[in-house]
Amino acid sequence: MQVKAHLMDQATMDRVITRIAHEILECNRGTEDIYLIGIQRRGVPLAKRIAAKIKEIENVTVGVGILDITFYRDDLSLLAENPIVNDTQIDINIYGAKIILVDDVLYTGRTVRAAIEAIFDMGRPNSIQLAVLIDRGHRELPFRPDYVGKNVPTSRSEMINVEVEEIDGKDQVLLVGPEVRIDLNNL
């Protein structure tokens, strides 16, 4: 796979996260009952960054939880014989909360479906909203994010690679795809 485009650098990601934090505050009329839940892996640091921005803006600490959806995936048997399971840490009673799921990329919607199923196994929130850094289209399930950093139309052969400092050592978003080779002899 080759890099086809650099979609975001560190400064752009920071601006997008700031905008998403403002949109969350505006849509929810403040911070009351808001709880951010990052979907493992890269949704977790993004949720923590949004919470930090909300703290800067409103001087209010918003709770952040961590959700692993491994056992809720509809393709679990296809992943691996022994899939890697990460932590789930939800420190509130879900009942009555305004849950904002945070993920890096929205693609088919299957991750969102699994996350909602996991949330409802823990209780019944007042609402569930979705914040994503990138929406790349190709939905297979009827989900649309409430907060989007950037819409990036892609082909199914392309991928979006989100890298975050906390996991990857730097912040950037890349569009990658198969290497295109042109045979000049056949032109």
N, C-alpha and C. Protein backbone atom coordinates (compact mmCIF):
# COMPACT_ATOMS: atom_id res chain seq x y z
N MET A 1 0.85 -1.18 0.00
CA MET A 1 0.00 0.00 0.00
C MET A 1 0.89 1.25 0.00
N GLN A 2 0.50 2.21 -0.78
CA GLN A 2 1.26 3.44 -0.83
C GLN A 2 0.42 4.59 -0.30
N VAL A 3 1.09 5.61 0.23
CA VAL A 3 0.40 6.80 0.72
C VAL A 3 -0.08 7.59 -0.48
N LYS A 4 -1.39 7.84 -0.54
CA LYS A 4 -1.97 8.59 -1.64
C LYS A 4 -2.19 10.05 -1.26
N ALA A 5 -2.40 10.30 0.05
CA ALA A 5 -2.63 11.68 0.50
C ALA A 5 -2.39 11.78 2.00
N HIS A 6 -1.84 12.91 2.41
CA HIS A 6 -1.74 13.26 3.83
C HIS A 6 -2.96 14.11 4.13
N LEU A 7 -3.90 13.55 4.88
CA LEU A 7 -5.17 14.23 5.12
C LEU A 7 -5.12 15.18 6.31
N MET A 8 -4.37 14.81 7.34
CA MET A 8 -4.26 15.66 8.52
C MET A 8 -2.88 15.53 9.13
N ASP A 9 -2.39 16.66 9.64
CA ASP A 9 -1.17 16.65 10.44
C ASP A 9 -1.59 16.95 11.89
N GLN A 10 -0.62 17.10 12.76
CA GLN A 10 -0.91 17.32 14.18
C GLN A 10 -1.76 18.58 14.40
N ALA A 11 -1.40 19.67 13.74
CA ALA A 11 -2.14 20.93 13.93
C ALA A 11 -3.58 20.80 13.44
N THR A 12 -3.77 20.14 12.32
CA THR A 12 -5.11 19.96 11.77
C THR A 12 -5.95 19.07 12.69
N MET A 13 -5.35 18.00 13.20
CA MET A 13 -6.07 17.13 14.12
C MET A 13 -6.50 17.91 15.36
N ASP A 14 -5.62 18.76 15.87
CA ASP A 14 -5.94 19.54 17.06
C ASP A 14 -7.11 20.50 16.78
N ARG A 15 -7.10 21.15 15.62
CA ARG A 15 -8.21 22.05 15.26
C ARG A 15 -9.52 21.29 15.13
N VAL A 16 -9.47 20.11 14.52
CA VAL A 16 -10.67 19.29 14.34
C VAL A 16 -11.22 18.86 15.70
N ILE A 17 -10.36 18.44 16.59
CA ILE A 17 -10.80 18.01 17.92
C ILE A 17 -11.41 19.18 18.68
N THR A 18 -10.82 20.36 18.54
CA THR A 18 -11.38 21.56 19.17
C THR A 18 -12.78 21.84 18.63
N ARG A 19 -12.94 21.75 17.31
CA ARG A 19 -14.25 21.98 16.69
C ARG A 19 -15.28 20.97 17.17
N ILE A 20 -14.90 19.69 17.23
CA ILE A 20 -15.82 18.65 17.69
C ILE A 20 -16.23 18.92 19.14
N ALA A 21 -15.29 19.34 19.99
CA ALA A 21 -15.62 19.65 21.38
C ALA A 21 -16.65 20.78 21.45
N HIS A 22 -16.45 21.83 20.65
CA HIS A 22 -17.41 22.94 20.61
C HIS A 22 -18.78 22.47 20.13
N GLU A 23 -18.81 21.62 19.11
CA GLU A 23 -20.08 21.12 18.58
C GLU A 23 -20.81 20.27 19.61
N ILE A 24 -20.07 19.45 20.35
CA ILE A 24 -20.68 18.63 21.40
C ILE A 24 -21.32 19.53 22.45
N LEU A 25 -20.60 20.56 22.88
CA LEU A 25 -21.13 21.48 23.89
C LEU A 25 -22.36 22.21 23.38
N GLU A 26 -22.32 22.65 22.13
CA GLU A 26 -23.45 23.37 21.57
C GLU A 26 -24.67 22.47 21.43
N CYS A 27 -24.48 21.30 20.89
CA CYS A 27 -25.60 20.37 20.65
C CYS A 27 -26.24 19.91 21.96
N ASN A 28 -25.43 19.74 22.99
CA ASN A 28 -25.93 19.22 24.27
C ASN A 28 -26.20 20.33 25.29
N ARG A 29 -26.05 21.57 24.86
CA ARG A 29 -26.28 22.74 25.72
C ARG A 29 -25.49 22.66 27.01
N GLY A 30 -24.21 22.34 26.85
CA GLY A 30 -23.33 22.25 28.02
C GLY A 30 -22.82 20.85 28.24
N THR A 31 -22.45 20.57 29.48
CA THR A 31 -21.79 19.30 29.79
C THR A 31 -22.62 18.36 30.67
N GLU A 32 -23.81 18.77 31.05
CA GLU A 32 -24.60 17.96 31.98
C GLU A 32 -24.89 16.57 31.41
N ASP A 33 -24.57 15.57 32.19
CA ASP A 33 -24.81 14.15 31.87
C ASP A 33 -24.01 13.61 30.70
N ILE A 34 -23.05 14.38 30.17
CA ILE A 34 -22.23 13.91 29.05
C ILE A 34 -21.15 12.96 29.57
N TYR A 35 -20.98 11.86 28.85
CA TYR A 35 -19.91 10.90 29.14
C TYR A 35 -19.36 10.42 27.81
N LEU A 36 -18.07 10.64 27.59
CA LEU A 36 -17.40 10.21 26.36
C LEU A 36 -16.90 8.78 26.52
N ILE A 37 -17.09 7.98 25.50
CA ILE A 37 -16.58 6.60 25.52
C ILE A 37 -15.77 6.38 24.25
N GLY A 38 -14.47 6.17 24.43
CA GLY A 38 -13.59 5.88 23.31
C GLY A 38 -13.63 4.41 22.96
N ILE A 39 -13.79 4.11 21.69
CA ILE A 39 -13.78 2.73 21.23
C ILE A 39 -12.32 2.32 21.02
N GLN A 40 -11.92 1.20 21.65
CA GLN A 40 -10.53 0.73 21.55
C GLN A 40 -10.14 0.57 20.10
N ARG A 41 -9.07 0.95 19.69
CA ARG A 41 -7.89 1.51 20.25
C ARG A 41 -7.81 3.01 20.07
N ARG A 42 -7.86 3.50 18.87
CA ARG A 42 -7.57 4.93 18.67
C ARG A 42 -8.70 5.86 19.06
N GLY A 43 -9.88 5.34 19.28
CA GLY A 43 -10.97 6.17 19.79
C GLY A 43 -10.73 6.62 21.22
N VAL A 44 -9.94 5.86 21.96
CA VAL A 44 -9.68 6.18 23.37
C VAL A 44 -8.87 7.48 23.50
N PRO A 45 -7.69 7.60 22.86
CA PRO A 45 -6.98 8.87 23.00
C PRO A 45 -7.75 10.05 22.40
N LEU A 46 -8.53 9.81 21.36
CA LEU A 46 -9.33 10.88 20.78
C LEU A 46 -10.39 11.35 21.77
N ALA A 47 -11.05 10.43 22.46
CA ALA A 47 -12.04 10.79 23.48
C ALA A 47 -11.39 11.59 24.61
N LYS A 48 -10.21 11.17 25.02
CA LYS A 48 -9.50 11.90 26.09
C LYS A 48 -9.13 13.30 25.64
N ARG A 49 -8.76 13.47 24.38
CA ARG A 49 -8.42 14.80 23.86
C ARG A 49 -9.66 15.69 23.79
N ILE A 50 -10.78 15.12 23.37
CA ILE A 50 -12.03 15.90 23.33
C ILE A 50 -12.40 16.34 24.74
N ALA A 51 -12.27 15.44 25.70
CA ALA A 51 -12.57 15.79 27.10
C ALA A 51 -11.65 16.90 27.60
N ALA A 52 -10.38 16.85 27.22
CA ALA A 52 -9.43 17.89 27.63
C ALA A 52 -9.81 19.23 27.01
N LYS A 53 -10.27 19.22 25.76
CA LYS A 53 -10.72 20.47 25.11
C LYS A 53 -11.95 21.02 25.80
N ILE A 54 -12.88 20.14 26.16
CA ILE A 54 -14.08 20.58 26.88
C ILE A 54 -13.68 21.20 28.22
N LYS A 55 -12.71 20.62 28.87
CA LYS A 55 -12.20 21.17 30.15
C LYS A 55 -11.62 22.57 29.92
N GLU A 56 -10.86 22.76 28.83
CA GLU A 56 -10.31 24.09 28.50
C GLU A 56 -11.42 25.10 28.25
N ILE A 57 -12.45 24.68 27.54
CA ILE A 57 -13.52 25.59 27.13
C ILE A 57 -14.45 25.93 28.29
N GLU A 58 -14.91 24.91 29.02
CA GLU A 58 -15.96 25.07 30.03
C GLU A 58 -15.45 25.00 31.47
N ASN A 59 -14.20 24.60 31.63
CA ASN A 59 -13.64 24.37 32.97
C ASN A 59 -14.45 23.32 33.74
N VAL A 60 -14.92 22.32 33.01
CA VAL A 60 -15.67 21.21 33.59
C VAL A 60 -15.03 19.92 33.11
N THR A 61 -14.83 18.99 34.04
CA THR A 61 -14.27 17.69 33.69
C THR A 61 -15.40 16.76 33.26
N VAL A 62 -15.27 16.25 32.05
CA VAL A 62 -16.23 15.29 31.50
C VAL A 62 -15.61 13.91 31.61
N GLY A 63 -16.37 12.94 32.08
CA GLY A 63 -15.86 11.58 32.22
C GLY A 63 -15.56 10.94 30.88
N VAL A 64 -14.56 10.07 30.90
CA VAL A 64 -14.16 9.34 29.70
C VAL A 64 -14.08 7.85 30.04
N GLY A 65 -14.75 7.05 29.26
CA GLY A 65 -14.69 5.60 29.42
C GLY A 65 -14.00 4.97 28.23
N ILE A 66 -13.69 3.69 28.39
CA ILE A 66 -13.00 2.91 27.37
C ILE A 66 -13.86 1.69 27.07
N LEU A 67 -14.08 1.44 25.78
CA LEU A 67 -14.93 0.32 25.38
C LEU A 67 -14.21 -0.58 24.40
N ASP A 68 -14.15 -1.85 24.74
CA ASP A 68 -13.63 -2.87 23.81
C ASP A 68 -14.84 -3.63 23.27
N ILE A 69 -14.95 -3.68 21.96
CA ILE A 69 -16.11 -4.32 21.32
C ILE A 69 -15.79 -5.69 20.75
N THR A 70 -14.64 -6.24 21.07
CA THR A 70 -14.18 -7.48 20.44
C THR A 70 -15.26 -8.56 20.44
N PHE A 71 -15.89 -8.84 21.59
CA PHE A 71 -16.85 -9.93 21.67
C PHE A 71 -18.22 -9.57 21.10
N TYR A 72 -18.39 -8.34 20.67
CA TYR A 72 -19.65 -7.91 20.07
C TYR A 72 -19.56 -7.85 18.55
N ARG A 73 -18.40 -8.11 18.01
CA ARG A 73 -18.21 -8.03 16.56
C ARG A 73 -18.93 -9.19 15.87
N ASP A 74 -19.52 -8.90 14.71
CA ASP A 74 -20.20 -9.95 13.97
C ASP A 74 -19.24 -10.79 13.13
N ASP A 75 -17.96 -10.38 13.12
CA ASP A 75 -16.95 -11.14 12.38
C ASP A 75 -15.90 -11.73 13.31
N LEU A 76 -16.26 -11.94 14.58
CA LEU A 76 -15.30 -12.43 15.58
C LEU A 76 -14.65 -13.73 15.15
N SER A 77 -15.42 -14.65 14.58
CA SER A 77 -14.84 -15.93 14.18
C SER A 77 -13.86 -15.79 13.03
N LEU A 78 -13.92 -14.68 12.31
CA LEU A 78 -13.01 -14.46 11.19
C LEU A 78 -11.72 -13.75 11.61
N LEU A 79 -11.72 -13.14 12.80
CA LEU A 79 -10.56 -12.35 13.23
C LEU A 79 -9.35 -13.21 13.53
N ALA A 80 -9.50 -14.10 14.47
CA ALA A 80 -8.40 -14.96 14.89
C ALA A 80 -8.94 -16.02 15.83
N GLU A 81 -8.17 -17.08 16.01
CA GLU A 81 -8.60 -18.12 16.92
C GLU A 81 -8.64 -17.60 18.34
N ASN A 82 -7.66 -16.78 18.72
CA ASN A 82 -7.61 -16.17 20.04
C ASN A 82 -7.48 -14.65 19.88
N PRO A 83 -8.62 -13.96 19.70
CA PRO A 83 -8.54 -12.51 19.47
C PRO A 83 -8.00 -11.78 20.70
N ILE A 84 -7.34 -10.65 20.45
CA ILE A 84 -6.81 -9.82 21.53
C ILE A 84 -7.95 -9.00 22.10
N VAL A 85 -8.13 -9.10 23.40
CA VAL A 85 -9.18 -8.35 24.09
C VAL A 85 -8.52 -7.27 24.92
N ASN A 86 -8.97 -6.02 24.75
CA ASN A 86 -8.46 -4.89 25.51
C ASN A 86 -9.43 -4.57 26.64
N ASP A 87 -9.05 -3.60 27.45
CA ASP A 87 -9.86 -3.22 28.60
C ASP A 87 -11.14 -2.49 28.19
N THR A 88 -12.18 -2.70 28.99
CA THR A 88 -13.36 -1.86 28.98
C THR A 88 -13.43 -1.26 30.37
N GLN A 89 -13.53 0.06 30.44
CA GLN A 89 -13.63 0.76 31.72
C GLN A 89 -14.71 1.82 31.60
N ILE A 90 -15.85 1.54 32.14
CA ILE A 90 -16.97 2.48 32.18
C ILE A 90 -17.25 2.75 33.65
N ASP A 91 -16.97 3.98 34.09
CA ASP A 91 -17.01 4.31 35.51
C ASP A 91 -18.30 4.98 35.96
N ILE A 92 -19.34 4.91 35.15
CA ILE A 92 -20.59 5.53 35.55
C ILE A 92 -21.73 4.54 35.36
N ASN A 93 -22.86 4.87 35.95
CA ASN A 93 -24.09 4.16 35.68
C ASN A 93 -24.60 4.71 34.35
N ILE A 94 -24.67 3.90 33.35
CA ILE A 94 -25.05 4.31 31.99
C ILE A 94 -26.46 4.90 31.95
N TYR A 95 -27.34 4.43 32.84
CA TYR A 95 -28.74 4.83 32.81
C TYR A 95 -28.88 6.36 32.89
N GLY A 96 -29.53 6.95 31.90
CA GLY A 96 -29.80 8.38 31.91
C GLY A 96 -28.67 9.25 31.38
N ALA A 97 -27.53 8.67 31.05
CA ALA A 97 -26.39 9.46 30.57
C ALA A 97 -26.55 9.79 29.09
N LYS A 98 -25.86 10.85 28.68
CA LYS A 98 -25.72 11.18 27.26
C LYS A 98 -24.36 10.64 26.84
N ILE A 99 -24.37 9.49 26.21
CA ILE A 99 -23.14 8.81 25.81
C ILE A 99 -22.71 9.34 24.45
N ILE A 100 -21.43 9.70 24.36
CA ILE A 100 -20.87 10.07 23.07
C ILE A 100 -19.76 9.07 22.76
N LEU A 101 -20.04 8.20 21.81
CA LEU A 101 -19.04 7.23 21.34
C LEU A 101 -18.04 7.96 20.47
N VAL A 102 -16.76 7.66 20.66
CA VAL A 102 -15.71 8.32 19.88
C VAL A 102 -14.88 7.24 19.19
N ASP A 103 -14.70 7.39 17.88
CA ASP A 103 -13.87 6.45 17.12
C ASP A 103 -13.07 7.24 16.09
N ASP A 104 -12.06 6.59 15.55
CA ASP A 104 -11.20 7.27 14.59
C ASP A 104 -11.82 7.33 13.20
N VAL A 105 -12.31 6.19 12.70
CA VAL A 105 -12.84 6.14 11.33
C VAL A 105 -14.19 5.45 11.33
N LEU A 106 -15.15 6.04 10.64
CA LEU A 106 -16.44 5.40 10.40
C LEU A 106 -16.43 4.88 8.98
N TYR A 107 -16.70 3.58 8.83
CA TYR A 107 -16.67 2.94 7.52
C TYR A 107 -18.01 2.24 7.29
N THR A 108 -18.11 0.97 7.59
CA THR A 108 -19.33 0.21 7.30
C THR A 108 -20.43 0.44 8.33
N GLY A 109 -20.06 0.82 9.54
CA GLY A 109 -21.02 0.98 10.63
C GLY A 109 -21.06 -0.21 11.57
N ARG A 110 -20.33 -1.26 11.25
CA ARG A 110 -20.37 -2.47 12.07
C ARG A 110 -19.74 -2.25 13.46
N THR A 111 -18.71 -1.43 13.54
CA THR A 111 -18.10 -1.13 14.83
C THR A 111 -19.09 -0.36 15.70
N VAL A 112 -19.80 0.58 15.11
CA VAL A 112 -20.80 1.36 15.85
C VAL A 112 -21.90 0.44 16.36
N ARG A 113 -22.37 -0.47 15.52
CA ARG A 113 -23.41 -1.41 15.94
C ARG A 113 -22.95 -2.22 17.14
N ALA A 114 -21.72 -2.72 17.08
CA ALA A 114 -21.17 -3.52 18.18
C ALA A 114 -21.05 -2.67 19.45
N ALA A 115 -20.61 -1.42 19.30
CA ALA A 115 -20.46 -0.54 20.46
C ALA A 115 -21.81 -0.25 21.11
N ILE A 116 -22.82 0.00 20.31
CA ILE A 116 -24.16 0.27 20.86
C ILE A 116 -24.69 -0.95 21.59
N GLU A 117 -24.48 -2.11 21.01
CA GLU A 117 -24.91 -3.35 21.66
C GLU A 117 -24.21 -3.52 23.02
N ALA A 118 -22.92 -3.24 23.06
CA ALA A 118 -22.16 -3.34 24.32
C ALA A 118 -22.68 -2.34 25.35
N ILE A 119 -22.97 -1.12 24.92
CA ILE A 119 -23.49 -0.09 25.82
C ILE A 119 -24.83 -0.54 26.41
N PHE A 120 -25.72 -1.04 25.56
CA PHE A 120 -27.04 -1.46 26.06
C PHE A 120 -26.95 -2.67 26.98
N ASP A 121 -25.91 -3.46 26.88
CA ASP A 121 -25.71 -4.54 27.85
C ASP A 121 -25.35 -4.01 29.23
N MET A 122 -24.87 -2.74 29.29
CA MET A 122 -24.49 -2.12 30.56
C MET A 122 -25.60 -1.28 31.17
N GLY A 123 -26.61 -0.95 30.38
CA GLY A 123 -27.69 -0.11 30.87
C GLY A 123 -28.34 0.63 29.72
N ARG A 124 -29.28 1.51 30.08
CA ARG A 124 -30.00 2.25 29.05
C ARG A 124 -29.70 3.74 29.19
N PRO A 125 -28.84 4.26 28.30
CA PRO A 125 -28.53 5.69 28.36
C PRO A 125 -29.70 6.53 27.84
N ASN A 126 -29.65 7.81 28.16
CA ASN A 126 -30.65 8.74 27.65
C ASN A 126 -30.50 8.89 26.13
N SER A 127 -29.25 8.95 25.67
CA SER A 127 -28.98 9.04 24.24
C SER A 127 -27.58 8.53 23.96
N ILE A 128 -27.35 8.15 22.71
CA ILE A 128 -26.03 7.77 22.24
C ILE A 128 -25.75 8.60 20.99
N GLN A 129 -24.64 9.33 21.03
CA GLN A 129 -24.20 10.13 19.90
C GLN A 129 -22.87 9.56 19.41
N LEU A 130 -22.48 9.93 18.21
CA LEU A 130 -21.26 9.40 17.62
C LEU A 130 -20.38 10.53 17.11
N ALA A 131 -19.11 10.51 17.54
CA ALA A 131 -18.10 11.45 17.06
C ALA A 131 -16.98 10.65 16.40
N VAL A 132 -16.63 11.02 15.17
CA VAL A 132 -15.55 10.35 14.46
C VAL A 132 -14.60 11.37 13.86
N LEU A 133 -13.35 11.01 13.79
CA LEU A 133 -12.37 11.88 13.16
C LEU A 133 -12.57 11.89 11.65
N ILE A 134 -12.78 10.71 11.06
CA ILE A 134 -12.94 10.57 9.61
C ILE A 134 -14.18 9.72 9.29
N ASP A 135 -15.00 10.21 8.37
CA ASP A 135 -16.10 9.42 7.82
C ASP A 135 -15.74 9.14 6.37
N ARG A 136 -15.49 7.87 6.06
CA ARG A 136 -15.03 7.52 4.71
C ARG A 136 -16.12 6.92 3.82
N GLY A 137 -17.35 6.87 4.33
CA GLY A 137 -18.44 6.36 3.50
C GLY A 137 -18.49 4.84 3.47
N HIS A 138 -19.23 4.30 2.52
CA HIS A 138 -19.39 2.85 2.30
C HIS A 138 -20.18 2.18 3.42
N ARG A 139 -21.19 2.85 3.96
CA ARG A 139 -21.97 2.30 5.06
C ARG A 139 -22.73 1.05 4.64
N GLU A 140 -22.70 0.06 5.50
CA GLU A 140 -23.50 -1.16 5.32
C GLU A 140 -24.67 -1.18 6.30
N LEU A 141 -24.58 -0.37 7.32
CA LEU A 141 -25.64 -0.24 8.33
C LEU A 141 -26.03 1.23 8.43
N PRO A 142 -27.26 1.51 8.83
CA PRO A 142 -27.76 2.90 8.77
C PRO A 142 -27.31 3.78 9.94
N PHE A 143 -26.02 4.09 9.99
CA PHE A 143 -25.49 4.97 11.02
C PHE A 143 -24.88 6.19 10.38
N ARG A 144 -25.10 7.34 11.01
CA ARG A 144 -24.51 8.59 10.56
C ARG A 144 -23.95 9.29 11.80
N PRO A 145 -22.72 9.77 11.72
CA PRO A 145 -22.13 10.42 12.90
C PRO A 145 -22.77 11.77 13.19
N ASP A 146 -22.80 12.12 14.47
CA ASP A 146 -23.30 13.42 14.89
C ASP A 146 -22.21 14.49 14.76
N TYR A 147 -20.96 14.07 14.92
CA TYR A 147 -19.82 14.98 14.88
C TYR A 147 -18.74 14.33 14.01
N VAL A 148 -18.31 15.06 12.96
CA VAL A 148 -17.34 14.52 12.01
C VAL A 148 -16.19 15.50 11.86
N GLY A 149 -14.97 14.97 11.96
CA GLY A 149 -13.81 15.80 11.72
C GLY A 149 -13.67 16.11 10.24
N LYS A 150 -13.77 15.08 9.41
CA LYS A 150 -13.59 15.27 7.97
C LYS A 150 -14.28 14.12 7.23
N ASN A 151 -15.01 14.45 6.18
CA ASN A 151 -15.57 13.45 5.28
C ASN A 151 -14.56 13.21 4.17
N VAL A 152 -14.21 11.94 3.96
CA VAL A 152 -13.22 11.60 2.94
C VAL A 152 -13.79 10.48 2.06
N PRO A 153 -14.30 10.82 0.89
CA PRO A 153 -14.77 9.77 -0.02
C PRO A 153 -13.60 8.87 -0.42
N THR A 154 -13.79 7.58 -0.30
CA THR A 154 -12.74 6.62 -0.62
C THR A 154 -13.30 5.52 -1.51
N SER A 155 -12.40 4.78 -2.12
CA SER A 155 -12.81 3.53 -2.79
C SER A 155 -12.65 2.42 -1.76
N ARG A 156 -13.25 1.31 -2.03
CA ARG A 156 -13.14 0.18 -1.08
C ARG A 156 -11.71 -0.36 -1.01
N SER A 157 -10.91 -0.12 -2.04
CA SER A 157 -9.53 -0.61 -2.03
C SER A 157 -8.60 0.31 -1.24
N GLU A 158 -9.09 1.48 -0.86
CA GLU A 158 -8.28 2.41 -0.09
C GLU A 158 -8.55 2.24 1.40
N MET A 159 -7.62 2.75 2.20
CA MET A 159 -7.76 2.70 3.65
C MET A 159 -7.39 4.05 4.23
N ILE A 160 -7.94 4.34 5.39
CA ILE A 160 -7.57 5.52 6.15
C ILE A 160 -6.74 5.05 7.33
N ASN A 161 -5.53 5.56 7.46
CA ASN A 161 -4.67 5.24 8.61
C ASN A 161 -4.62 6.45 9.52
N VAL A 162 -5.20 6.31 10.71
CA VAL A 162 -5.14 7.35 11.72
C VAL A 162 -4.02 6.97 12.68
N GLU A 163 -3.09 7.87 12.86
CA GLU A 163 -2.00 7.66 13.81
C GLU A 163 -2.12 8.71 14.90
N VAL A 164 -2.02 8.27 16.15
CA VAL A 164 -2.08 9.18 17.29
C VAL A 164 -0.82 9.04 18.12
N GLU A 165 -0.39 10.15 18.67
CA GLU A 165 0.84 10.22 19.45
C GLU A 165 0.89 9.14 20.53
N GLU A 166 -0.21 8.93 21.23
CA GLU A 166 -0.27 8.01 22.36
C GLU A 166 0.00 6.56 21.97
N ILE A 167 -0.29 6.19 20.75
CA ILE A 167 -0.11 4.80 20.29
C ILE A 167 0.99 4.69 19.25
N ASP A 168 1.01 5.63 18.31
CA ASP A 168 1.89 5.52 17.14
C ASP A 168 3.11 6.43 17.17
N GLY A 169 3.18 7.33 18.14
CA GLY A 169 4.32 8.22 18.24
C GLY A 169 4.20 9.53 17.48
N LYS A 170 3.12 9.68 16.69
CA LYS A 170 2.87 10.96 16.02
C LYS A 170 1.41 11.04 15.60
N ASP A 171 0.99 12.27 15.34
CA ASP A 171 -0.39 12.53 14.92
C ASP A 171 -0.43 12.78 13.43
N GLN A 172 -1.18 11.96 12.71
CA GLN A 172 -1.43 12.21 11.29
C GLN A 172 -2.52 11.28 10.80
N VAL A 173 -3.13 11.66 9.69
CA VAL A 173 -4.13 10.83 9.03
C VAL A 173 -3.71 10.70 7.58
N LEU A 174 -3.62 9.46 7.12
CA LEU A 174 -3.15 9.17 5.77
C LEU A 174 -4.22 8.41 5.00
N LEU A 175 -4.32 8.69 3.72
CA LEU A 175 -5.11 7.88 2.80
C LEU A 175 -4.12 6.99 2.08
N VAL A 176 -4.30 5.67 2.20
CA VAL A 176 -3.40 4.73 1.54
C VAL A 176 -4.21 3.83 0.62
N GLY A 177 -3.52 3.36 -0.40
CA GLY A 177 -4.18 2.49 -1.35
C GLY A 177 -3.19 1.64 -2.09
N PRO A 178 -3.69 0.77 -2.94
CA PRO A 178 -2.80 -0.10 -3.70
C PRO A 178 -1.92 0.72 -4.62
N GLU A 179 -0.73 0.24 -4.80
CA GLU A 179 0.22 0.91 -5.68
C GLU A 179 -0.27 0.78 -7.12
N VAL A 180 -0.31 1.88 -7.80
CA VAL A 180 -0.75 1.89 -9.21
C VAL A 180 0.48 1.87 -10.09
N ARG A 181 0.52 0.89 -10.96
CA ARG A 181 1.65 0.76 -11.89
C ARG A 181 1.15 0.95 -13.30
N ILE A 182 1.84 1.77 -14.01
CA ILE A 182 1.47 2.02 -15.40
C ILE A 182 2.54 1.39 -16.29
N ASP A 183 2.09 0.54 -17.19
CA ASP A 183 3.01 -0.08 -18.13
C ASP A 183 3.08 0.81 -19.37
N LEU A 184 4.18 1.54 -19.48
CA LEU A 184 4.35 2.48 -20.59
C LEU A 184 4.44 1.79 -21.93
N ASN A 185 4.78 0.51 -21.94
CA ASN A 185 4.89 -0.23 -23.21
C ASN A 185 3.52 -0.48 -23.83
N ASN A 186 2.45 -0.45 -23.03
CA ASN A 186 1.13 -0.75 -23.55
C ASN A 186 0.30 0.50 -23.82
N LEU A 187 0.92 1.67 -23.81
CA LEU A 187 0.18 2.91 -24.07
C LEU A 187 0.08 3.18 -25.54
